């Protein structure tokens, strides 16, 4: 990703690795995307369940009575 975007995401040293400002922004954005994906997944699962569940309710039919002579 660093090469593709031409940014440095990590400060690398012998003491370890830390995020650069760009790296911090990337992590925050990735977390947001992950949360949105999970929200969407939950919503779609609920829609899927609603589509599979039978229709429940009352149905009233009016049938005219015709007298035959």
PDB file of N, CA and C in Angstrom:
ATOM      1  N   UNK A   1       0.821  -1.177   0.000  1.00  0.00           N
ATOM      2  CA  UNK A   1       0.000   0.000   0.000  1.00  0.00           C
ATOM      3  C   UNK A   1       0.874   1.253   0.000  1.00  0.00           C
ATOM      4  N   UNK A   2       1.956   1.193   0.708  1.00  0.00           N
ATOM      5  CA  UNK A   2       2.868   2.346   0.719  1.00  0.00           C
ATOM      6  C   UNK A   2       3.353   2.678  -0.692  1.00  0.00           C
ATOM      7  N   UNK A   3       3.710   1.653  -1.428  1.00  0.00           N
ATOM      8  CA  UNK A   3       4.201   1.884  -2.790  1.00  0.00           C
ATOM      9  C   UNK A   3       3.086   2.379  -3.703  1.00  0.00           C
ATOM     10  N   UNK A   4       1.919   1.775  -3.560  1.00  0.00           N
ATOM     11  CA  UNK A   4       0.797   2.155  -4.416  1.00  0.00           C
ATOM     12  C   UNK A   4       0.398   3.609  -4.192  1.00  0.00           C
ATOM     13  N   UNK A   5       0.382   4.043  -2.927  1.00  0.00           N
ATOM     14  CA  UNK A   5      -0.044   5.403  -2.604  1.00  0.00           C
ATOM     15  C   UNK A   5       1.114   6.386  -2.491  1.00  0.00           C
ATOM     16  N   UNK A   6       2.323   5.866  -2.545  1.00  0.00           N
ATOM     17  CA  UNK A   6       3.527   6.681  -2.435  1.00  0.00           C
ATOM     18  C   UNK A   6       3.555   7.485  -1.133  1.00  0.00           C
ATOM     19  N   UNK A   7       3.248   6.798  -0.023  1.00  0.00           N
ATOM     20  CA  UNK A   7       3.316   7.393   1.313  1.00  0.00           C
ATOM     21  C   UNK A   7       4.000   6.407   2.250  1.00  0.00           C
ATOM     22  N   UNK A   8       4.516   6.917   3.331  1.00  0.00           N
ATOM     23  CA  UNK A   8       5.114   6.060   4.358  1.00  0.00           C
ATOM     24  C   UNK A   8       4.090   5.897   5.470  1.00  0.00           C
ATOM     25  N   UNK A   9       3.731   4.662   5.758  1.00  0.00           N
ATOM     26  CA  UNK A   9       2.726   4.384   6.783  1.00  0.00           C
ATOM     27  C   UNK A   9       3.352   4.035   8.131  1.00  0.00           C
ATOM     28  N   UNK A  10       4.633   3.597   8.109  1.00  0.00           N
ATOM     29  CA  UNK A  10       5.305   3.171   9.330  1.00  0.00           C
ATOM     30  C   UNK A  10       6.671   3.832   9.454  1.00  0.00           C
ATOM     31  N   UNK A  11       6.994   4.216  10.682  1.00  0.00           N
ATOM     32  CA  UNK A  11       8.378   4.574  11.014  1.00  0.00           C
ATOM     33  C   UNK A  11       9.033   3.267  11.449  1.00  0.00           C
ATOM     34  N   UNK A  12      10.042   2.840  10.729  1.00  0.00           N
ATOM     35  CA  UNK A  12      10.713   1.585  11.048  1.00  0.00           C
ATOM     36  C   UNK A  12      12.103   1.894  11.610  1.00  0.00           C
ATOM     37  N   UNK A  13      12.387   1.254  12.728  1.00  0.00           N
ATOM     38  CA  UNK A  13      13.719   1.435  13.321  1.00  0.00           C
ATOM     39  C   UNK A  13      14.093   0.160  14.060  1.00  0.00           C
ATOM     40  N   UNK A  14      15.294   0.137  14.590  1.00  0.00           N
ATOM     41  CA  UNK A  14      15.731  -1.034  15.371  1.00  0.00           C
ATOM     42  C   UNK A  14      14.917  -1.179  16.651  1.00  0.00           C
ATOM     43  N   UNK A  15      14.384  -0.068  17.129  1.00  0.00           N
ATOM     44  CA  UNK A  15      13.593  -0.111  18.363  1.00  0.00           C
ATOM     45  C   UNK A  15      12.160  -0.605  18.122  1.00  0.00           C
ATOM     46  N   UNK A  16      11.746  -0.627  16.887  1.00  0.00           N
ATOM     47  CA  UNK A  16      10.393  -1.111  16.590  1.00  0.00           C
ATOM     48  C   UNK A  16       9.762  -0.349  15.442  1.00  0.00           C
ATOM     49  N   UNK A  17       8.481  -0.468  15.359  1.00  0.00           N
ATOM     50  CA  UNK A  17       7.727   0.148  14.277  1.00  0.00           C
ATOM     51  C   UNK A  17       6.575   0.947  14.877  1.00  0.00           C
ATOM     52  N   UNK A  18       6.398   2.165  14.391  1.00  0.00           N
ATOM     53  CA  UNK A  18       5.269   2.997  14.813  1.00  0.00           C
ATOM     54  C   UNK A  18       4.579   3.560  13.569  1.00  0.00           C
ATOM     55  N   UNK A  19       3.365   3.983  13.744  1.00  0.00           N
ATOM     56  CA  UNK A  19       2.615   4.546  12.628  1.00  0.00           C
ATOM     57  C   UNK A  19       3.006   5.997  12.376  1.00  0.00           C
ATOM     58  N   UNK A  20       3.060   6.349  11.119  1.00  0.00           N
ATOM     59  CA  UNK A  20       3.217   7.754  10.755  1.00  0.00           C
ATOM     60  C   UNK A  20       1.818   8.390  10.818  1.00  0.00           C
ATOM     61  N   UNK A  21       1.755   9.677  10.559  1.00  0.00           N
ATOM     62  CA  UNK A  21       0.447  10.335  10.526  1.00  0.00           C
ATOM     63  C   UNK A  21      -0.440   9.695   9.454  1.00  0.00           C
ATOM     64  N   UNK A  22       0.145   9.393   8.307  1.00  0.00           N
ATOM     65  CA  UNK A  22      -0.597   8.723   7.240  1.00  0.00           C
ATOM     66  C   UNK A  22      -1.042   7.325   7.682  1.00  0.00           C
ATOM     67  N   UNK A  23      -0.198   6.651   8.421  1.00  0.00           N
ATOM     68  CA  UNK A  23      -0.537   5.330   8.940  1.00  0.00           C
ATOM     69  C   UNK A  23      -1.686   5.388   9.928  1.00  0.00           C
ATOM     70  N   UNK A  24      -1.675   6.397  10.799  1.00  0.00           N
ATOM     71  CA  UNK A  24      -2.758   6.565  11.764  1.00  0.00           C
ATOM     72  C   UNK A  24      -4.081   6.838  11.052  1.00  0.00           C
ATOM     73  N   UNK A  25      -4.023   7.693  10.041  1.00  0.00           N
ATOM     74  CA  UNK A  25      -5.217   8.005   9.255  1.00  0.00           C
ATOM     75  C   UNK A  25      -5.734   6.745   8.565  1.00  0.00           C
ATOM     76  N   UNK A  26      -4.822   5.941   8.043  1.00  0.00           N
ATOM     77  CA  UNK A  26      -5.201   4.703   7.365  1.00  0.00           C
ATOM     78  C   UNK A  26      -5.888   3.742   8.325  1.00  0.00           C
ATOM     79  N   UNK A  27      -5.348   3.605   9.528  1.00  0.00           N
ATOM     80  CA  UNK A  27      -5.942   2.706  10.522  1.00  0.00           C
ATOM     81  C   UNK A  27      -7.339   3.190  10.913  1.00  0.00           C
ATOM     82  N   UNK A  28      -7.498   4.482  11.158  1.00  0.00           N
ATOM     83  CA  UNK A  28      -8.811   5.018  11.530  1.00  0.00           C
ATOM     84  C   UNK A  28      -9.829   4.805  10.415  1.00  0.00           C
ATOM     85  N   UNK A  29      -9.418   5.062   9.200  1.00  0.00           N
ATOM     86  CA  UNK A  29     -10.320   4.873   8.062  1.00  0.00           C
ATOM     87  C   UNK A  29     -10.676   3.403   7.890  1.00  0.00           C
ATOM     88  N   UNK A  30      -9.694   2.525   8.041  1.00  0.00           N
ATOM     89  CA  UNK A  30      -9.938   1.084   7.912  1.00  0.00           C
ATOM     90  C   UNK A  30     -10.913   0.603   8.985  1.00  0.00           C
ATOM     91  N   UNK A  31     -10.789   1.118  10.202  1.00  0.00           N
ATOM     92  CA  UNK A  31     -11.730   0.749  11.268  1.00  0.00           C
ATOM     93  C   UNK A  31     -13.137   1.204  10.914  1.00  0.00           C
ATOM     94  N   UNK A  32     -13.249   2.412  10.372  1.00  0.00           N
ATOM     95  CA  UNK A  32     -14.558   2.914   9.963  1.00  0.00           C
ATOM     96  C   UNK A  32     -15.178   2.067   8.870  1.00  0.00           C
ATOM     97  N   UNK A  33     -14.358   1.675   7.904  1.00  0.00           N
ATOM     98  CA  UNK A  33     -14.844   0.820   6.816  1.00  0.00           C
ATOM     99  C   UNK A  33     -15.301  -0.525   7.368  1.00  0.00           C
ATOM    100  N   UNK A  34     -14.538  -1.070   8.298  1.00  0.00           N
ATOM    101  CA  UNK A  34     -14.884  -2.353   8.902  1.00  0.00           C
ATOM    102  C   UNK A  34     -16.210  -2.255   9.661  1.00  0.00           C
ATOM    103  N   UNK A  35     -16.403  -1.174  10.403  1.00  0.00           N
ATOM    104  CA  UNK A  35     -17.656  -0.982  11.141  1.00  0.00           C
ATOM    105  C   UNK A  35     -18.833  -0.841  10.178  1.00  0.00           C
ATOM    106  N   UNK A  36     -18.648  -0.072   9.108  1.00  0.00           N
ATOM    107  CA  UNK A  36     -19.719   0.108   8.115  1.00  0.00           C
ATOM    108  C   UNK A  36     -20.056  -1.228   7.455  1.00  0.00           C
ATOM    109  N   UNK A  37     -19.031  -2.026   7.156  1.00  0.00           N
ATOM    110  CA  UNK A  37     -19.259  -3.336   6.553  1.00  0.00           C
ATOM    111  C   UNK A  37     -20.073  -4.214   7.500  1.00  0.00           C
ATOM    112  N   UNK A  38     -19.716  -4.221   8.783  1.00  0.00           N
ATOM    113  CA  UNK A  38     -20.450  -5.031   9.755  1.00  0.00           C
ATOM    114  C   UNK A  38     -21.895  -4.560   9.887  1.00  0.00           C
ATOM    115  N   UNK A  39     -22.104  -3.241   9.876  1.00  0.00           N
ATOM    116  CA  UNK A  39     -23.463  -2.702   9.925  1.00  0.00           C
ATOM    117  C   UNK A  39     -24.263  -3.150   8.701  1.00  0.00           C
ATOM    118  N   UNK A  40     -23.661  -3.045   7.530  1.00  0.00           N
ATOM    119  CA  UNK A  40     -24.326  -3.458   6.297  1.00  0.00           C
ATOM    120  C   UNK A  40     -24.647  -4.943   6.328  1.00  0.00           C
ATOM    121  N   UNK A  41     -23.706  -5.734   6.787  1.00  0.00           N
ATOM    122  CA  UNK A  41     -23.902  -7.180   6.863  1.00  0.00           C
ATOM    123  C   UNK A  41     -25.095  -7.511   7.767  1.00  0.00           C
ATOM    124  N   UNK A  42     -25.187  -6.846   8.913  1.00  0.00           N
ATOM    125  CA  UNK A  42     -26.298  -7.064   9.837  1.00  0.00           C
ATOM    126  C   UNK A  42     -27.624  -6.676   9.189  1.00  0.00           C
ATOM    127  N   UNK A  43     -27.654  -5.521   8.534  1.00  0.00           N
ATOM    128  CA  UNK A  43     -28.878  -5.077   7.865  1.00  0.00           C
ATOM    129  C   UNK A  43     -29.310  -6.049   6.773  1.00  0.00           C
ATOM    130  N   UNK A  44     -28.358  -6.520   5.987  1.00  0.00           N
ATOM    131  CA  UNK A  44     -28.692  -7.450   4.903  1.00  0.00           C
ATOM    132  C   UNK A  44     -29.145  -8.799   5.442  1.00  0.00           C
ATOM    133  N   UNK A  45     -28.572  -9.235   6.548  1.00  0.00           N
ATOM    134  CA  UNK A  45     -29.013 -10.491   7.160  1.00  0.00           C
ATOM    135  C   UNK A  45     -30.456 -10.362   7.636  1.00  0.00           C
ATOM    136  N   UNK A  46     -30.801  -9.209   8.225  1.00  0.00           N
ATOM    137  CA  UNK A  46     -32.180  -8.983   8.664  1.00  0.00           C
ATOM    138  C   UNK A  46     -33.140  -8.955   7.469  1.00  0.00           C
ATOM    139  N   UNK A  47     -32.736  -8.293   6.399  1.00  0.00           N
ATOM    140  CA  UNK A  47     -33.564  -8.269   5.196  1.00  0.00           C
ATOM    141  C   UNK A  47     -33.756  -9.675   4.642  1.00  0.00           C
ATOM    142  N   UNK A  48     -32.700 -10.449   4.646  1.00  0.00           N
ATOM    143  CA  UNK A  48     -32.782 -11.823   4.169  1.00  0.00           C
ATOM    144  C   UNK A  48     -33.743 -12.649   4.996  1.00  0.00           C
ATOM    145  N   UNK A  49     -33.722 -12.461   6.309  1.00  0.00           N
ATOM    146  CA  UNK A  49     -34.637 -13.184   7.187  1.00  0.00           C
ATOM    147  C   UNK A  49     -36.077 -12.761   6.934  1.00  0.00           C
ATOM    148  N   UNK A  50     -36.288 -11.471   6.708  1.00  0.00           N
ATOM    149  CA  UNK A  50     -37.642 -10.981   6.442  1.00  0.00           C
ATOM    150  C   UNK A  50     -38.173 -11.549   5.139  1.00  0.00           C
ATOM    151  N   UNK A  51     -37.307 -11.674   4.148  1.00  0.00           N
ATOM    152  CA  UNK A  51     -37.735 -12.207   2.860  1.00  0.00           C
ATOM    153  C   UNK A  51     -38.088 -13.684   2.957  1.00  0.00           C
ATOM    154  N   UNK A  52     -37.448 -14.394   3.868  1.00  0.00           N
ATOM    155  CA  UNK A  52     -37.685 -15.827   4.010  1.00  0.00           C
ATOM    156  C   UNK A  52     -38.874 -16.129   4.912  1.00  0.00           C
ATOM    157  N   UNK A  53     -39.236 -15.188   5.793  1.00  0.00           N
ATOM    158  CA  UNK A  53     -40.309 -15.465   6.741  1.00  0.00           C
ATOM    159  C   UNK A  53     -41.661 -15.363   6.047  1.00  0.00           C
ATOM    160  N   UNK A  54     -42.607 -16.190   6.478  1.00  0.00           N
ATOM    161  CA  UNK A  54     -43.924 -16.161   5.839  1.00  0.00           C
ATOM    162  C   UNK A  54     -44.656 -14.857   6.162  1.00  0.00           C
ATOM    163  N   UNK A  55     -45.565 -14.500   5.293  1.00  0.00           N
ATOM    164  CA  UNK A  55     -46.385 -13.315   5.530  1.00  0.00           C
ATOM    165  C   UNK A  55     -47.439 -13.689   6.560  1.00  0.00           C
ATOM    166  N   UNK A  56     -47.566 -12.879   7.575  1.00  0.00           N
ATOM    167  CA  UNK A  56     -48.499 -13.158   8.660  1.00  0.00           C
ATOM    168  C   UNK A  56     -49.494 -12.009   8.743  1.00  0.00           C
ATOM    169  N   UNK A  57     -50.755 -12.349   8.904  1.00  0.00           N
ATOM    170  CA  UNK A  57     -51.779 -11.324   9.047  1.00  0.00           C
ATOM    171  C   UNK A  57     -53.152 -11.899   8.763  1.00  0.00           C
ATOM    172  N   UNK A  58     -54.155 -11.040   8.795  1.00  0.00           N
ATOM    173  CA  UNK A  58     -55.520 -11.453   8.528  1.00  0.00           C
ATOM    174  C   UNK A  58     -55.885 -11.103   7.091  1.00  0.00           C
ATOM    175  N   UNK A  59     -56.717 -11.941   6.516  1.00  0.00           N
ATOM    176  CA  UNK A  59     -57.200 -11.700   5.168  1.00  0.00           C
ATOM    177  C   UNK A  59     -58.709 -11.881   5.199  1.00  0.00           C
ATOM    178  N   UNK A  60     -59.420 -10.872   4.789  1.00  0.00           N
ATOM    179  CA  UNK A  60     -60.879 -10.935   4.747  1.00  0.00           C
ATOM    180  C   UNK A  60     -61.313 -10.932   3.290  1.00  0.00           C
ATOM    181  N   UNK A  61     -62.141 -11.907   2.939  1.00  0.00           N
ATOM    182  CA  UNK A  61     -62.660 -12.010   1.587  1.00  0.00           C
ATOM    183  C   UNK A  61     -64.155 -11.755   1.597  1.00  0.00           C
ATOM    184  N   UNK A  62     -64.633 -10.985   0.666  1.00  0.00           N
ATOM    185  CA  UNK A  62     -66.059 -10.747   0.504  1.00  0.00           C
ATOM    186  C   UNK A  62     -66.505 -11.488  -0.743  1.00  0.00           C
ATOM    187  N   UNK A  63     -67.411 -12.430  -0.540  1.00  0.00           N
ATOM    188  CA  UNK A  63     -67.902 -13.234  -1.662  1.00  0.00           C
ATOM    189  C   UNK A  63     -69.385 -12.918  -1.832  1.00  0.00           C
ATOM    190  N   UNK A  64     -69.728 -12.340  -2.952  1.00  0.00           N
ATOM    191  CA  UNK A  64     -71.156 -12.034  -3.155  1.00  0.00           C
ATOM    192  C   UNK A  64     -71.962 -13.327  -3.330  1.00  0.00           C
ATOM    193  N   UNK A  65     -73.141 -13.310  -2.760  1.00  0.00           N
ATOM    194  CA  UNK A  65     -74.043 -14.470  -2.875  1.00  0.00           C
ATOM    195  C   UNK A  65     -75.007 -14.175  -4.012  1.00  0.00           C
ATOM    196  N   UNK A  66     -75.053 -15.042  -4.973  1.00  0.00           N
ATOM    197  CA  UNK A  66     -75.921 -14.875  -6.126  1.00  0.00           C
ATOM    198  C   UNK A  66     -77.010 -15.941  -6.053  1.00  0.00           C
ATOM    199  N   UNK A  67     -78.236 -15.495  -6.108  1.00  0.00           N
ATOM    200  CA  UNK A  67     -79.344 -16.455  -6.103  1.00  0.00           C
ATOM    201  C   UNK A  67     -79.679 -16.812  -7.538  1.00  0.00           C
ATOM    202  N   UNK A  68     -79.757 -18.086  -7.777  1.00  0.00           N
ATOM    203  CA  UNK A  68     -80.089 -18.583  -9.112  1.00  0.00           C
ATOM    204  C   UNK A  68     -81.568 -18.949  -9.104  1.00  0.00           C
ATOM    205  N   UNK A  69     -82.307 -18.483 -10.091  1.00  0.00           N
ATOM    206  CA  UNK A  69     -83.753 -18.795 -10.158  1.00  0.00           C
ATOM    207  C   UNK A  69     -84.048 -19.811 -11.211  1.00  0.00           C
TER     208      UNK A  69
END
